[in-house]
Protein backbone atom coordinates (compact mmCIF):
# COMPACT_ATOMS: atom_id res chain seq x y z
CA MET A 1 -144.14 208.32 -57.64
CA GLN A 2 -146.27 206.84 -60.45
CA SER A 3 -143.56 208.24 -63.13
CA ILE A 4 -140.60 206.65 -61.09
CA GLN A 5 -139.70 203.22 -62.71
CA VAL A 6 -135.96 202.97 -61.93
CA VAL A 7 -133.65 204.38 -59.49
CA ARG A 8 -129.79 204.19 -59.43
CA ILE A 9 -127.78 202.86 -56.77
CA ARG A 10 -123.90 203.69 -56.94
CA TRP A 11 -121.46 201.48 -54.99
CA LYS A 12 -117.93 200.52 -55.03
CA LYS A 13 -118.36 198.03 -58.39
CA GLY A 14 -120.18 200.65 -60.24
CA THR A 15 -123.76 201.87 -60.62
CA GLU A 16 -126.70 199.35 -60.48
CA LYS A 17 -130.13 200.40 -61.92
CA VAL A 18 -132.91 198.89 -60.17
CA PRO A 19 -136.69 198.81 -61.05
CA VAL A 20 -139.16 200.06 -58.69
CA ASN A 21 -142.81 200.25 -57.53
CA PRO A 22 -144.98 202.75 -55.41
CA HIS A 23 -144.74 200.16 -52.61
CA ASP A 24 -141.26 199.35 -52.29
CA THR A 25 -138.97 200.82 -49.56
CA ILE A 26 -135.39 201.50 -48.79
CA GLY A 27 -135.41 197.94 -47.10
CA THR A 28 -136.15 196.45 -50.58
CA LEU A 29 -133.56 198.28 -52.50
CA ILE A 30 -130.99 197.05 -49.84
CA GLN A 31 -132.46 193.37 -50.38
CA TYR A 32 -131.94 193.60 -54.14
CA MET A 33 -128.59 194.36 -53.79
CA VAL A 34 -127.77 191.83 -51.07
CA ASN A 35 -129.49 188.99 -53.30
CA LYS A 36 -127.89 190.34 -56.40
CA PHE A 37 -124.30 190.91 -55.11
CA GLU A 38 -124.37 188.74 -51.96
CA ILE A 39 -123.84 191.63 -49.86
CA LYS A 40 -124.34 191.31 -45.93
CA GLU A 41 -127.55 193.03 -45.21
CA GLU A 42 -127.19 193.94 -41.71
CA ILE A 43 -124.25 196.14 -42.39
CA SER A 44 -125.59 197.96 -45.66
CA THR A 45 -127.24 201.17 -45.59
CA LEU A 46 -128.46 203.66 -48.28
CA ILE A 47 -127.82 207.30 -48.91
CA GLN A 48 -129.90 209.72 -50.97
CA ASP A 49 -127.21 211.61 -53.00
CA LYS A 50 -128.72 214.78 -53.41
CA THR A 51 -129.52 215.21 -49.95
CA LYS A 52 -126.67 213.14 -48.45
CA THR A 53 -129.36 211.83 -45.87
CA VAL A 54 -128.68 207.94 -44.39
CA LEU A 55 -132.32 206.48 -44.99
CA GLN A 56 -133.72 203.58 -42.75
CA LYS A 57 -135.28 200.44 -44.05
CA ARG A 58 -138.91 201.16 -43.37
CA ILE A 59 -138.85 204.14 -45.28
CA LYS A 60 -141.22 204.23 -48.24
CA LEU A 61 -139.79 205.32 -51.57
CA SER A 62 -143.25 207.07 -52.44
CA SER A 63 -142.22 209.40 -49.14
CA LEU A 64 -139.18 210.75 -50.75
CA ASP A 65 -138.69 213.87 -53.04
CA MET A 66 -137.22 212.06 -55.84
CA GLU A 67 -137.27 211.68 -59.64
CA ASN A 68 -137.17 208.83 -62.05
CA GLY A 69 -133.58 207.51 -62.21
CA GLU A 70 -132.69 208.89 -58.64
CA LEU A 71 -129.50 208.24 -57.30
CA PHE A 72 -128.59 206.52 -54.33
CA GLU A 73 -125.39 205.41 -52.78
CA LEU A 74 -125.06 201.98 -51.10
CA SER A 75 -122.46 202.73 -48.00
CA LEU A 76 -120.56 199.55 -46.45
CA PRO A 77 -118.34 199.58 -43.56
CA SER A 78 -115.25 198.81 -45.38
CA ASP A 79 -115.96 201.69 -48.24
CA ALA A 80 -114.45 204.97 -47.54
CA ASN A 81 -117.20 207.51 -46.23
CA PRO A 82 -119.33 208.66 -49.27
CA ASN A 83 -119.56 211.97 -47.78
CA LYS A 84 -115.91 212.69 -46.70
CA ASP A 85 -115.63 215.56 -48.94
CA SER A 86 -118.94 217.10 -48.11
CA LYS A 87 -119.08 220.35 -46.41
CA THR A 88 -122.49 219.84 -44.94
CA SER A 89 -123.12 220.81 -41.31
CA LYS A 90 -122.63 217.48 -38.90
CA PRO A 91 -122.17 217.04 -35.42
CA ASP A 92 -118.54 216.83 -34.52
CA THR A 93 -118.72 213.77 -32.47
CA PRO A 94 -118.16 210.43 -34.52
CA ILE A 95 -121.34 208.81 -35.91
CA ASP A 96 -121.37 204.99 -35.54
CA ASP A 97 -123.56 202.62 -37.04
CA HIS A 98 -126.43 203.33 -34.88
CA GLN A 99 -126.24 207.08 -35.12
CA ARG A 100 -125.68 207.50 -38.98
CA ASN A 101 -128.75 209.98 -39.31
CA VAL A 102 -128.22 212.08 -36.36
CA TYR A 103 -127.72 215.71 -37.89
CA THR A 104 -128.27 219.36 -36.71
CA LEU A 105 -131.31 221.59 -37.40
CA ASP A 106 -128.94 223.51 -40.12
CA TYR A 107 -128.23 220.48 -41.73
CA PHE A 108 -131.95 219.69 -42.05
CA LYS A 109 -132.59 223.13 -43.41
CA ASP A 110 -130.01 223.01 -45.76
CA HIS A 111 -130.45 219.65 -47.26
CA ASN A 112 -133.99 218.87 -46.50
CA PRO A 113 -135.65 222.01 -47.52
CA THR A 114 -139.02 220.17 -47.53
CA ILE A 115 -139.04 219.82 -43.82
CA GLN A 116 -141.01 222.58 -42.39
CA PHE A 117 -141.12 222.86 -38.55
CA GLN A 118 -144.60 223.55 -37.36
CA LYS A 119 -145.43 224.16 -33.52
CA TYR A 120 -147.94 221.67 -32.38
CA GLU A 121 -149.67 223.82 -29.75
CA ASN A 122 -153.28 223.74 -31.62
CA SER A 123 -153.63 219.80 -31.23
CA ILE A 124 -157.17 219.12 -31.43
CA LEU A 125 -156.89 216.45 -28.54
CA LYS A 126 -157.07 218.32 -25.17
CA ARG A 127 -157.60 215.47 -22.56
CA VAL A 128 -157.15 212.23 -21.22
CA LEU A 129 -159.58 210.04 -19.04
CA PHE A 130 -157.89 207.54 -16.85
CA PRO A 131 -159.80 204.53 -15.16
CA SER A 132 -158.77 204.90 -11.32
CA ALA A 133 -159.23 201.24 -10.37
CA GLU A 134 -156.49 200.17 -13.15
CA LEU A 135 -154.31 202.83 -12.25
CA GLN A 136 -154.18 201.96 -8.63
CA ARG A 137 -153.84 198.14 -9.59
CA ILE A 138 -150.89 198.90 -11.75
CA GLY A 139 -149.33 201.08 -8.78
CA ARG A 140 -149.68 198.10 -6.48
CA ILE A 141 -148.27 195.67 -9.14
CA SER A 142 -145.36 197.88 -9.89
CA ASN A 143 -144.41 198.61 -6.15
CA ALA A 144 -144.89 194.74 -4.98
CA LEU A 145 -142.43 193.61 -7.91
CA HIS A 146 -139.76 196.68 -6.88
CA PHE A 147 -139.37 197.91 -10.30
CA ASN A 148 -135.77 198.50 -10.99
CA SER A 149 -135.84 199.68 -14.46
CA THR A 150 -138.31 201.76 -16.58
CA GLN A 151 -141.37 200.05 -17.63
CA ILE A 152 -143.43 200.54 -20.81
CA PHE A 153 -147.14 199.94 -20.51
CA LEU A 154 -149.35 199.91 -23.70
CA LEU A 155 -152.59 202.15 -23.60
CA TYR A 156 -155.92 200.85 -25.46
CA GLY A 157 -159.26 202.66 -25.17
CA THR A 158 -161.99 204.68 -27.27
CA THR A 159 -162.01 208.19 -28.60
CA PRO A 160 -165.53 209.53 -27.66
CA ASN A 161 -164.80 212.81 -29.36
CA PRO A 162 -161.88 214.16 -31.37
CA ALA A 163 -160.61 216.26 -28.09
CA ALA A 164 -160.71 213.41 -25.91
CA ILE A 165 -159.58 209.90 -25.37
CA ARG A 166 -160.47 207.11 -22.78
CA ILE A 167 -158.02 204.67 -21.69
CA HIS A 168 -159.78 201.33 -20.68
CA ALA A 169 -157.29 198.80 -20.52
CA LEU A 170 -153.46 198.88 -20.07
CA SER A 171 -150.81 195.98 -20.65
CA LEU A 172 -147.36 195.26 -19.85
CA PRO A 173 -145.44 192.99 -22.12
CA SER A 174 -142.57 191.47 -21.32
CA GLN A 175 -139.61 193.49 -21.82
CA GLU A 176 -136.26 194.59 -20.63
CA CYS A 177 -135.24 198.20 -20.64
CA THR A 178 -132.06 199.53 -19.74
CA GLY A 179 -130.32 203.02 -20.45
CA GLU A 180 -129.45 201.81 -24.06
CA GLU A 181 -131.75 199.06 -24.99
CA LEU A 182 -135.32 198.31 -24.99
CA LEU A 183 -136.34 195.00 -25.95
CA ILE A 184 -140.24 194.25 -25.82
CA ASN A 185 -141.65 190.61 -26.80
CA GLU A 186 -143.26 191.17 -30.04
CA SER A 187 -145.54 188.49 -29.86
CA HIS A 188 -146.78 189.50 -26.34
CA ILE A 189 -147.52 193.08 -28.04
CA LYS A 190 -149.36 191.11 -30.90
CA ASP A 191 -151.25 189.16 -28.79
CA SER A 192 -152.14 192.63 -26.65
CA HIS A 193 -153.32 194.16 -29.73
CA HIS A 194 -155.77 191.02 -30.84
CA VAL A 195 -157.22 191.17 -27.29
CA ALA A 196 -157.94 194.94 -27.41
CA LEU A 197 -159.41 194.78 -31.06
CA ALA A 198 -161.48 191.95 -29.89
CA CYS A 199 -162.93 194.21 -26.80
CA GLY A 200 -163.76 196.91 -29.43
CA LEU A 201 -160.50 199.13 -28.04
CA LYS A 202 -157.34 200.34 -30.09
CA PHE A 203 -154.06 201.44 -29.39
CA LEU A 204 -153.39 204.93 -28.18
CA GLY A 205 -149.94 205.42 -26.86
CA PHE A 206 -147.63 204.39 -23.79
CA LEU A 207 -147.74 204.79 -20.18
CA ILE A 208 -143.77 205.01 -19.20
CA ILE A 209 -143.07 204.34 -15.40
CA SER A 210 -140.05 204.60 -13.90
CA PRO A 211 -138.55 203.74 -10.36
CA LYS A 212 -136.44 206.97 -10.12
CA THR A 213 -138.18 210.26 -8.82
CA ASN A 214 -138.84 213.26 -11.54
CA VAL A 215 -136.87 211.34 -14.39
CA PRO A 216 -137.91 213.01 -17.84
CA ILE A 217 -138.29 210.98 -20.97
CA ALA A 218 -135.24 210.49 -22.58
CA PRO A 219 -135.24 211.06 -26.38
CA HIS A 220 -133.71 207.60 -27.10
CA LEU A 221 -136.88 205.81 -25.26
CA LEU A 222 -139.37 207.65 -27.02
CA ILE A 223 -137.49 206.74 -30.65
CA LYS A 224 -137.10 203.14 -29.59
CA LEU A 225 -141.00 202.98 -29.19
CA MET A 226 -141.35 204.17 -32.60
CA PRO A 227 -141.02 200.78 -34.04
CA LEU A 228 -144.18 199.57 -32.33
CA ILE A 229 -146.29 202.55 -34.01
CA SER A 230 -148.29 200.90 -36.88
CA ASP A 231 -147.99 203.03 -40.26
CA ASP A 232 -151.31 204.24 -40.36
CA LEU A 233 -151.14 205.67 -36.84
CA GLU A 234 -150.78 209.56 -37.20
CA SER A 235 -150.33 210.42 -33.81
CA PHE A 236 -149.94 208.78 -30.14
CA ILE A 237 -149.77 209.80 -26.55
CA PHE A 238 -147.01 208.94 -23.97
CA ILE A 239 -147.68 209.23 -20.39
CA ARG A 240 -145.28 209.31 -17.37
CA SER A 241 -145.89 208.90 -13.83
CA LEU A 242 -145.22 211.85 -11.26
CA PRO A 243 -143.11 211.86 -9.14
CA THR A 244 -143.32 208.25 -8.06
CA LEU A 245 -145.22 205.18 -8.63
CA LYS A 246 -147.06 205.54 -5.13
CA SER A 247 -148.25 208.45 -6.21
CA MET A 248 -149.46 207.64 -9.35
CA VAL A 249 -153.17 208.03 -8.56
CA ASP A 250 -154.97 208.83 -5.16
CA SER A 251 -158.62 208.99 -4.62
CA VAL A 252 -158.73 212.56 -6.07
CA SER A 253 -156.29 213.24 -8.60
CA CYS A 254 -154.59 211.85 -11.49
CA ASN A 255 -150.42 212.63 -10.82
CA LEU A 256 -149.71 211.69 -14.46
CA GLU A 257 -148.08 213.96 -17.10
CA ALA A 258 -149.86 212.92 -20.54
CA TYR A 259 -148.48 214.39 -23.77
CA SER A 260 -149.54 214.08 -27.51
CA VAL A 261 -146.53 213.45 -29.94
CA SER A 262 -147.38 215.32 -33.30
CA LYS A 263 -147.65 213.74 -36.87
CA GLN A 264 -144.59 215.70 -37.67
CA PHE A 265 -142.29 213.90 -35.14
CA ILE A 266 -143.70 210.76 -36.58
CA ASP A 267 -143.13 211.73 -39.95
CA MET A 268 -139.54 212.91 -39.64
CA TYR A 269 -138.79 209.51 -37.69
CA ARG A 270 -140.16 207.47 -40.64
CA ARG A 271 -137.63 209.70 -43.00
CA GLY A 272 -134.76 208.64 -41.09
CA LEU A 273 -134.23 211.77 -39.32
CA PHE A 274 -133.93 210.62 -35.55
CA THR A 275 -132.08 208.40 -33.52
CA GLY A 276 -131.77 209.28 -30.01
CA GLU A 277 -129.06 207.22 -28.82
CA SER A 278 -127.99 209.57 -25.97
CA THR A 279 -129.45 209.24 -22.37
CA ASP A 280 -127.48 212.57 -21.38
CA THR A 281 -130.27 214.53 -22.64
CA SER A 282 -134.20 214.85 -22.24
CA LEU A 283 -137.02 215.03 -24.49
CA ILE A 284 -139.02 216.69 -22.12
CA THR A 285 -137.70 219.66 -20.27
CA LYS A 286 -139.56 222.98 -19.10
CA SER A 287 -138.97 224.59 -22.26
CA THR A 288 -137.14 222.72 -25.00
CA VAL A 289 -136.82 219.24 -26.84
CA LEU A 290 -133.85 218.14 -28.79
CA VAL A 291 -134.54 217.57 -32.35
CA SER A 292 -132.12 214.44 -32.21
CA ALA A 293 -130.17 213.39 -29.32
CA LYS A 294 -127.12 214.94 -30.51
CA SER A 295 -128.33 217.96 -32.32
CA LEU A 296 -126.64 220.94 -31.86
CA LYS A 297 -129.66 223.14 -31.87
CA GLU A 298 -132.61 223.11 -29.78
CA VAL A 299 -136.59 223.88 -30.61
CA ASP A 300 -139.26 224.57 -28.42
CA VAL A 301 -141.20 221.61 -27.32
CA SER A 302 -144.33 222.91 -28.67
CA TYR A 303 -142.92 221.80 -32.12
CA PHE A 304 -143.33 218.10 -31.49
CA VAL A 305 -145.45 217.30 -28.03
CA THR A 306 -148.40 219.04 -26.76
CA PRO A 307 -149.27 218.88 -22.86
CA LEU A 308 -152.98 217.14 -22.25
CA ALA A 309 -155.01 217.45 -19.11
CA THR A 310 -155.57 214.22 -17.22
CA LYS A 311 -158.82 213.09 -15.45
CA LEU A 312 -159.70 209.90 -13.61
CA ARG A 313 -163.01 208.64 -14.02
CA GLU A 314 -164.93 205.49 -13.20
CA SER A 315 -163.91 202.11 -14.65
CA TRP A 316 -165.94 200.70 -17.68
CA PHE A 317 -165.94 198.55 -20.65
CA PRO A 318 -167.69 199.37 -23.89
CA SER A 319 -168.93 196.02 -24.28
CA ASN A 320 -171.21 194.48 -21.56
CA SER A 321 -170.22 191.03 -22.70
CA PHE A 322 -166.70 191.60 -21.37
CA PRO A 323 -167.21 192.99 -17.85
CA TYR A 324 -163.32 193.24 -16.56
CA GLN A 325 -161.91 196.78 -16.51
CA SER A 326 -158.33 195.96 -17.30
CA PHE A 327 -155.69 193.65 -18.52
CA TYR A 328 -154.57 192.70 -15.07
CA PRO A 329 -157.36 190.59 -13.57
CA THR A 330 -157.52 189.66 -10.07
CA ILE A 331 -157.31 186.25 -8.47
CA ALA A 332 -160.90 186.21 -8.26
CA ASP A 333 -161.20 187.41 -11.99
CA PHE A 334 -158.68 184.62 -13.00
CA VAL A 335 -161.17 181.99 -11.04
CA ALA A 336 -164.43 183.03 -12.45
CA ILE A 337 -162.73 182.63 -15.99
CA CYS A 338 -161.58 179.57 -15.29
CA TYR A 339 -164.66 177.88 -14.06
CA LYS A 340 -166.73 179.98 -16.54
CA PHE A 341 -169.13 181.71 -13.48
CA ILE A 342 -169.91 184.00 -16.65
CA ASP A 343 -169.86 183.88 -20.11
CA VAL A 344 -166.21 184.98 -21.35
CA PRO A 345 -163.78 184.32 -24.10
CA ASN A 346 -161.99 181.09 -23.39
CA TYR A 347 -158.53 182.51 -22.85
CA ILE A 348 -156.79 184.19 -20.02
CA ARG A 349 -156.12 187.67 -20.57
CA PHE A 350 -152.86 189.34 -19.09
CA LEU A 351 -152.74 188.04 -15.47
CA ASP A 352 -151.44 189.69 -12.57
CA PHE A 353 -147.76 189.76 -12.01
CA ASN A 354 -147.73 188.09 -8.57
CA LEU A 355 -149.75 185.03 -10.11
CA LEU A 356 -147.15 184.87 -13.10
CA LEU A 357 -144.35 185.06 -10.67
CA PHE A 358 -146.06 182.34 -8.58
CA CYS A 359 -146.89 180.11 -11.21
CA CYS A 360 -143.11 180.43 -12.51
CA THR A 361 -142.11 178.96 -9.22
CA ILE A 362 -143.71 175.63 -9.45
CA PHE A 363 -142.44 174.85 -12.62
CA ASP A 364 -139.21 172.85 -13.26
CA ARG A 365 -136.64 174.86 -15.19
CA GLU A 366 -136.54 172.49 -17.98
CA GLU A 367 -140.39 172.60 -18.62
CA GLU A 368 -141.97 175.26 -20.85
CA VAL A 369 -143.79 178.06 -18.61
CA PRO A 370 -146.42 178.88 -20.58
CA LEU A 371 -147.82 181.69 -18.58
CA ILE A 372 -144.73 183.49 -18.90
CA ALA A 373 -144.03 182.59 -22.48
CA ARG A 374 -147.30 184.11 -23.46
CA SER A 375 -149.48 187.05 -23.08
CA CYS A 376 -152.73 184.93 -23.64
CA ILE A 377 -153.50 180.93 -22.77
CA ALA A 378 -156.25 179.01 -23.47
CA ARG A 379 -157.86 177.82 -20.27
CA ASP A 380 -157.28 174.19 -21.53
CA ASP A 381 -153.49 174.82 -21.93
CA ILE A 382 -152.98 175.44 -18.07
CA PRO A 383 -151.46 172.68 -16.47
CA ASP A 384 -153.55 170.99 -13.71
CA LYS A 385 -150.92 171.61 -10.95
CA VAL A 386 -151.20 175.26 -11.64
CA LEU A 387 -155.04 174.88 -11.34
CA VAL A 388 -154.53 173.27 -7.95
CA LYS A 389 -152.07 175.68 -6.59
CA ILE A 390 -154.58 178.29 -7.57
CA GLU A 391 -157.39 176.54 -6.06
CA GLU A 392 -155.46 176.51 -2.81
CA MET A 393 -154.66 180.46 -2.77
CA ILE A 394 -157.97 181.80 -3.94
CA ASP A 395 -160.50 180.09 -1.56
CA ALA A 396 -161.39 183.58 -0.12
CA PRO A 397 -161.77 185.77 -3.12
CA LEU A 398 -163.82 182.56 -4.54
CA ARG A 399 -166.16 182.68 -1.74
CA LYS A 400 -166.71 186.39 -2.07
CA LEU A 401 -167.06 186.28 -5.91
CA MET A 402 -169.94 183.48 -5.44
CA ASN A 403 -171.50 185.42 -2.82
């Protein structure tokens, strides 16, 4: 990449030479064209000419197989399809703006020879240790709220050794998950990561729970989670409850399926080779995983994910100064923080959803609802009328805590 100083971008008005550096992305090139020619950024895409691959904006130029003066094509909706005469292998289904980078395995092999599919059966990571108390609490909250859509929990923990990870905390940022769309509040995720870091924990992956029984993880859902993965994360885990929320965990067993996602899957996503827009196919089946939602070929599941053993453990936190085992404190925990019975940071962590919903009802609609709008809230920011209501409802837990 050090020898590459310029790339060429061909579009309907000619070919533009663009200076580049190792830190530039596809989005940088598109932005250059947008600024110079007043093109609408949201409808612009770049195609690498020699591979005929539509590239996503997040892809770094340093990750591409390219030479100085590499030719790209700027595609606009009003343009004729730059690949209309290409005899490449693509799905017969029309590809819309959100599905342009869906290709078959044969297409990958013909035009991306650097992609070598390697099975992921030799993953170093072997097991995931879950805190039983937190899982039981999450199950109770989920059942009490009667979730009617898939919910995405963030998982935080530690890695005591390369073969195991320990989950210490779970958080549920505000979100809307439908069959075709996943919207998660980014500020809540940022707050969640900040609190976890302060507790000595790191982000490890996702817990995905669904109100339906035995629903496999759809490809579009896993792929839509990828933007939440930081650039330096080489692998992550995803977990789904089996078969229902009520049996997520009992006194002796952990009824969860855990999988580790390979670095290859992440790399291919970052190179723009997945979209997963279809909800008709499943990422996890008994023996196969689709390379993309509309791929014409299937590969063995071990190419991208490997199952992990799950085991319950006693709840504990790595720091004695932070005694809570979850980002979902009980009412008693909440009171303890408010009244500073013990020395803890001056913010309220992710509150019990029953409490959040209760607080929401005592605000006028015209007023801001800070407990709902933010994942963390300073104690001094909590309105007095909320504290009064909370005091009324936590009499018994408070006495129990003080005893």
